[in-house]
Protein backbone atom coordinates (compact mmCIF):
# COMPACT_ATOMS: atom_id res chain seq x y z
CA MET A 1 50.19 137.15 159.97
CA LEU A 2 52.60 134.80 157.10
CA ARG A 3 55.90 135.59 157.06
CA ASN A 4 59.08 133.77 154.46
CA ILE A 5 61.96 132.47 155.91
CA ARG A 6 65.36 132.41 153.54
CA LEU A 7 68.08 130.32 155.52
CA VAL A 8 71.38 130.15 153.98
CA ILE A 9 72.39 126.98 155.01
CA ALA A 10 75.94 124.58 155.37
CA TYR A 11 76.22 121.59 156.05
CA ASP A 12 79.03 118.60 155.68
CA GLY A 13 76.93 115.63 153.78
CA THR A 14 79.18 113.23 154.40
CA GLU A 15 76.56 111.01 156.29
CA TYR A 16 73.36 112.34 154.46
CA HIS A 17 71.61 110.79 151.40
CA GLY A 18 71.37 114.01 149.93
CA TRP A 19 69.41 117.23 150.69
CA GLN A 20 65.95 116.17 149.51
CA LYS A 21 63.85 113.84 151.72
CA GLN A 22 64.08 110.26 150.92
CA PRO A 23 61.77 107.91 152.79
CA GLY A 24 64.44 105.61 154.49
CA TRP A 25 67.66 108.06 154.82
CA SER A 26 68.81 110.47 157.18
CA THR A 27 68.59 113.78 154.33
CA VAL A 28 69.92 117.61 155.10
CA GLN A 29 66.01 118.50 154.00
CA GLU A 30 64.13 116.33 156.72
CA MET A 31 67.04 117.37 158.93
CA VAL A 32 65.99 121.27 158.92
CA GLU A 33 62.11 120.98 158.74
CA ARG A 34 61.75 119.16 162.10
CA ALA A 35 64.29 121.67 163.68
CA ALA A 36 62.36 124.25 161.59
CA ARG A 37 58.76 123.26 163.31
CA ARG A 38 59.78 122.88 166.95
CA VAL A 39 60.62 126.46 166.52
CA ALA A 40 57.64 127.22 164.94
CA ARG A 41 55.67 125.33 166.00
CA HIS A 42 53.72 124.51 163.26
CA GLN A 43 53.92 122.25 160.23
CA VAL A 44 56.97 123.62 158.70
CA THR A 45 57.68 122.27 154.62
CA ILE A 46 61.30 123.51 154.24
CA THR A 47 62.08 124.06 149.99
CA GLY A 48 66.02 124.16 148.69
CA ALA A 49 67.74 125.80 146.02
CA GLY A 50 69.86 122.55 144.45
CA ARG A 51 68.76 118.67 145.33
CA THR A 52 72.41 118.31 146.22
CA ASP A 53 73.57 114.09 145.90
CA ALA A 54 74.39 112.26 148.16
CA GLY A 55 77.86 112.78 149.62
CA VAL A 56 77.89 116.44 148.16
CA HIS A 57 78.58 119.29 151.00
CA ALA A 58 77.13 122.75 150.77
CA ALA A 59 78.81 126.47 151.54
CA GLY A 60 75.83 128.57 150.49
CA GLN A 61 72.92 126.24 150.15
CA VAL A 62 69.28 128.34 149.92
CA ALA A 63 65.69 127.20 151.17
CA ASN A 64 62.64 128.85 152.51
CA PHE A 65 59.52 128.14 154.45
CA LEU A 66 56.15 130.20 155.23
CA THR A 67 55.33 130.43 159.38
CA THR A 68 53.41 132.49 161.02
CA SER A 69 56.04 132.54 164.35
CA VAL A 70 57.09 136.28 165.06
CA MET A 71 60.41 135.51 166.70
CA PRO A 72 62.59 138.04 164.91
CA CYS A 73 64.84 136.77 161.77
CA GLU A 74 68.63 136.07 163.72
CA LYS A 75 67.06 134.68 167.43
CA LEU A 76 65.07 131.98 164.76
CA ARG A 77 68.98 131.10 162.71
CA HIS A 78 69.57 130.71 166.73
CA ALA A 79 66.54 128.50 167.68
CA ILE A 80 66.66 126.42 164.24
CA GLY A 81 70.53 126.14 164.03
CA SER A 82 70.69 124.77 168.11
CA ARG A 83 68.20 121.95 167.14
CA LEU A 84 70.52 121.13 164.09
CA PRO A 85 73.34 118.34 164.19
CA LYS A 86 76.26 119.85 164.77
CA ASP A 87 77.95 118.57 160.46
CA ILE A 88 74.50 121.16 159.62
CA SER A 89 74.63 124.96 159.68
CA VAL A 90 71.92 127.89 159.51
CA ILE A 91 74.42 130.68 158.36
CA SER A 92 71.79 132.64 157.91
CA ALA A 93 68.15 133.89 157.83
CA ASP A 94 66.00 136.28 156.23
CA GLU A 95 62.75 137.41 156.17
CA VAL A 96 61.87 138.06 152.31
CA ALA A 97 58.91 138.62 149.50
CA LEU A 98 55.68 136.24 150.44
CA GLU A 99 56.40 134.99 146.46
CA PHE A 100 60.20 134.60 146.94
CA ARG A 101 60.71 130.08 146.13
CA ALA A 102 64.03 129.26 146.88
CA THR A 103 64.30 126.32 143.64
CA ARG A 104 61.62 128.10 141.56
CA ASP A 105 63.57 131.47 141.54
CA ALA A 106 66.91 130.49 141.45
CA LEU A 107 68.85 133.01 138.56
CA SER A 108 72.45 130.73 138.63
CA LYS A 109 74.48 128.43 141.09
CA LEU A 110 78.41 127.84 141.88
CA TYR A 111 79.19 124.42 142.47
CA ARG A 112 82.87 124.05 143.16
CA TYR A 113 84.88 120.58 142.85
CA VAL A 114 88.14 120.45 145.62
CA ILE A 115 90.78 118.06 144.28
CA PHE A 116 93.54 118.03 146.89
CA HIS A 117 96.89 117.42 144.77
CA GLY A 118 99.99 115.80 145.93
CA ALA A 119 101.55 112.34 147.52
CA HIS A 120 100.36 112.52 150.92
CA ARG A 121 96.16 113.06 152.27
CA PRO A 122 95.35 116.24 153.99
CA VAL A 123 97.10 116.40 157.82
CA GLU A 124 93.56 117.29 159.14
CA GLN A 125 91.62 114.20 159.16
CA HIS A 126 88.19 116.95 159.19
CA ARG A 127 89.91 117.89 155.62
CA GLN A 128 89.20 114.97 153.43
CA ARG A 129 86.26 114.82 154.14
CA PHE A 130 85.49 118.14 151.61
CA VAL A 131 88.39 117.22 149.13
CA TYR A 132 89.28 114.21 146.34
CA HIS A 133 92.65 113.15 147.19
CA PHE A 134 94.78 112.26 143.79
CA TRP A 135 98.41 111.69 143.75
CA ASN A 136 98.77 111.97 140.05
CA PRO A 137 99.99 115.04 138.00
CA LEU A 138 97.27 117.21 136.51
CA ASP A 139 98.15 119.82 133.77
CA VAL A 140 96.00 122.85 135.23
CA GLU A 141 96.89 124.60 132.74
CA ARG A 142 94.54 122.09 129.49
CA MET A 143 91.60 121.38 132.35
CA ASN A 144 91.71 124.90 132.60
CA ALA A 145 91.54 125.44 128.49
CA GLY A 146 89.07 122.09 128.54
CA ALA A 147 86.74 123.88 130.70
CA ARG A 148 86.01 126.66 128.74
CA TYR A 149 84.13 124.27 126.47
CA PHE A 150 81.38 124.13 128.86
CA ILE A 151 80.85 127.79 128.46
CA GLY A 152 77.59 128.29 127.05
CA GLN A 153 74.18 126.41 126.03
CA HIS A 154 74.88 123.16 125.61
CA ASP A 155 72.60 119.81 124.79
CA PHE A 156 74.63 117.37 128.22
CA ALA A 157 73.38 114.88 127.27
CA ALA A 158 76.53 113.74 127.51
CA TYR A 159 78.11 114.53 130.50
CA ALA A 160 74.62 113.53 131.83
CA SER A 161 74.15 110.46 134.19
CA LYS A 162 71.71 108.10 134.01
CA GLY A 163 68.33 108.85 136.29
CA SER A 164 68.15 113.15 134.80
CA PRO A 165 64.53 113.70 135.85
CA ARG A 166 64.39 116.24 132.50
CA GLU A 167 62.77 116.76 129.20
CA SER A 168 65.48 118.10 127.75
CA THR A 169 69.31 117.93 128.45
CA VAL A 170 70.66 121.58 127.15
CA ARG A 171 71.88 123.86 130.16
CA THR A 172 73.56 127.20 129.99
CA VAL A 173 77.20 127.79 131.49
CA LEU A 174 78.23 131.09 132.41
CA ARG A 175 81.25 129.89 133.81
CA ALA A 176 83.84 127.52 134.38
CA GLU A 177 87.79 127.85 135.94
CA VAL A 178 90.66 125.50 136.74
CA SER A 179 92.36 127.68 139.82
CA THR A 180 94.69 126.01 142.33
CA CYS A 181 95.18 127.91 145.76
CA TYR A 182 98.58 125.74 147.57
CA ASN A 183 97.81 122.16 147.02
CA GLU A 184 94.02 122.27 146.03
CA ILE A 185 92.89 123.15 142.43
CA ARG A 186 89.67 124.19 142.45
CA ILE A 187 87.14 123.79 139.69
CA ASP A 188 83.91 126.10 139.86
CA VAL A 189 81.16 125.73 137.51
CA VAL A 190 78.60 128.53 137.27
CA GLY A 191 75.61 128.21 135.88
CA THR A 192 71.69 128.34 135.79
CA GLY A 193 70.48 124.45 136.39
CA PHE A 194 72.62 121.29 136.35
CA LEU A 195 71.52 117.98 135.13
CA TYR A 196 72.19 114.95 137.43
CA HIS A 197 75.97 113.98 138.08
CA GLN A 198 76.24 116.75 135.38
CA VAL A 199 79.26 118.32 136.83
CA ARG A 200 80.56 115.60 138.91
CA ASN A 201 81.39 114.43 135.07
CA MET A 202 82.76 117.34 133.88
CA VAL A 203 85.37 117.19 135.96
CA GLY A 204 85.67 113.96 135.64
CA THR A 205 86.16 114.47 132.16
CA LEU A 206 88.63 116.78 133.54
CA ILE A 207 91.25 114.52 134.91
CA GLU A 208 91.57 113.08 131.86
CA VAL A 209 92.90 116.02 130.40
CA GLY A 210 94.91 116.84 133.01
CA ARG A 211 96.19 113.84 133.55
CA GLY A 212 97.06 114.32 129.40
CA HIS A 213 94.75 110.83 128.29
CA TRP A 214 93.13 112.99 126.57
CA PRO A 215 93.44 116.04 124.16
CA VAL A 216 91.38 118.93 124.98
CA GLU A 217 89.67 119.22 122.47
CA ARG A 218 87.78 116.08 123.19
CA VAL A 219 85.89 117.96 125.85
CA GLY A 220 84.14 119.74 122.73
CA GLU A 221 84.06 116.28 120.64
CA ILE A 222 81.63 114.49 124.01
CA LEU A 223 79.63 117.23 124.20
CA ALA A 224 78.76 117.60 120.37
CA SER A 225 78.54 114.01 120.83
CA LYS A 226 76.05 113.15 123.13
CA ASP A 227 76.79 110.03 124.67
CA ARG A 228 77.57 109.58 128.03
CA SER A 229 80.42 106.51 127.03
CA ASN A 230 82.52 108.84 126.07
CA ALA A 231 82.74 111.29 129.08
CA GLY A 232 85.59 110.65 132.22
CA PRO A 233 83.96 109.03 135.15
CA THR A 234 82.34 110.52 138.04
CA ALA A 235 84.25 112.30 139.89
CA PRO A 236 83.21 110.91 143.42
CA ALA A 237 81.00 113.34 145.66
CA ARG A 238 83.32 113.79 148.90
CA GLY A 239 84.81 116.80 146.36
CA LEU A 240 81.75 118.63 145.36
CA SER A 241 79.68 121.56 147.46
CA LEU A 242 77.32 124.14 146.83
CA GLN A 243 78.23 127.36 147.15
CA TRP A 244 76.48 130.43 146.45
CA VAL A 245 72.72 130.20 145.18
CA CYS A 246 72.02 133.93 143.14
CA TYR A 247 67.75 135.75 143.16
CA PRO A 248 66.66 138.70 141.39
CA PRO A 249 67.28 141.37 144.04
CA TYR A 250 63.87 142.38 144.48
CA LEU A 251 62.23 138.62 145.58
CA LEU A 252 64.62 139.06 148.75
CA LYS A 253 63.38 142.87 150.12
CA GLY A 254 66.14 144.20 152.84
CA ALA A 255 68.27 140.44 152.84
CA VAL A 256 71.67 140.03 153.05
CA PRO A 257 72.74 139.27 150.03
CA VAL A 258 74.40 136.24 149.59
CA GLN A 259 75.27 135.60 145.75
CA GLY A 260 77.50 138.25 142.94
CA HIS A 261 80.57 138.85 144.55
CA ASP A 262 79.39 139.28 148.32
CA ALA A 263 78.84 135.59 148.04
CA PRO A 264 82.35 133.88 147.91
CA ARG A 265 83.09 136.51 151.36
CA VAL A 266 80.44 134.26 152.86
CA VAL A 267 80.63 131.39 152.09
CA ASP A 268 84.33 130.80 152.57
CA SER A 269 84.01 132.10 156.08
CA ALA A 270 80.95 129.77 156.97
CA SER A 271 83.43 126.87 155.22
CA SER A 272 85.71 127.34 158.27
CA ALA A 273 83.10 127.34 160.39
CA LEU A 274 82.00 124.22 159.27
CA MET A 275 85.06 122.24 158.87
CA ASP A 276 85.85 123.31 162.70
CA THR A 277 82.93 122.24 163.88
CA THR A 278 82.94 118.87 162.04
CA SER A 279 86.15 118.20 162.98
């Protein structure tokens, strides 16, 4: 009997050339697919919700694959996870509706960018892999005010790097928020889909606003210009992570939800566990 298995995956993307398989490069998709193939003992094709770029991390990447294996989901999770390198972790495995596809059916995604703000880098060396260290003063209130310009449906051409394989650059951002947690500045962006480097270009622009180099209103002016050269620099990949992906409940059958209000709790514990294994 054919089954559809949904995996929730966390990974440190430092050593990988992104999620998607690419000839000649080590990618997360390739690693997970290889492990799942060994466990299922047949050809497996893994599809993921987010095509994270080289060096970008995930605490709640969602993938699915079809299998004829009768192995219980928890055993599948453990078996696949035990065949992965220590910087990739399978958080959960659930059987979902046969028509579920991790890429096609995603309703929204949360990306989080973390800036470590202070005169010195994080003491924990492994933590340095997950944050962008920025030592100059940043005004978080100004950054948060600037982030509000992103909310809604807009043409994000000014915040998309060359290489976006999309016919349209119109995207919808549901939430954009800047907050602090101890020495960290967290920029959370929830959207229905994103262009190439979109979030990192948005962050680079907000940093310029936070430094006082640009007025808050500049964020909206750049958006209206549709010109990438007007926006800030692309923020480094290491500070960005895919936190969670939201799906229609009817496609998840009896699966454990990792979406909406449940996501942050699951994702935060996954992030901590992953950092412990990579230290």
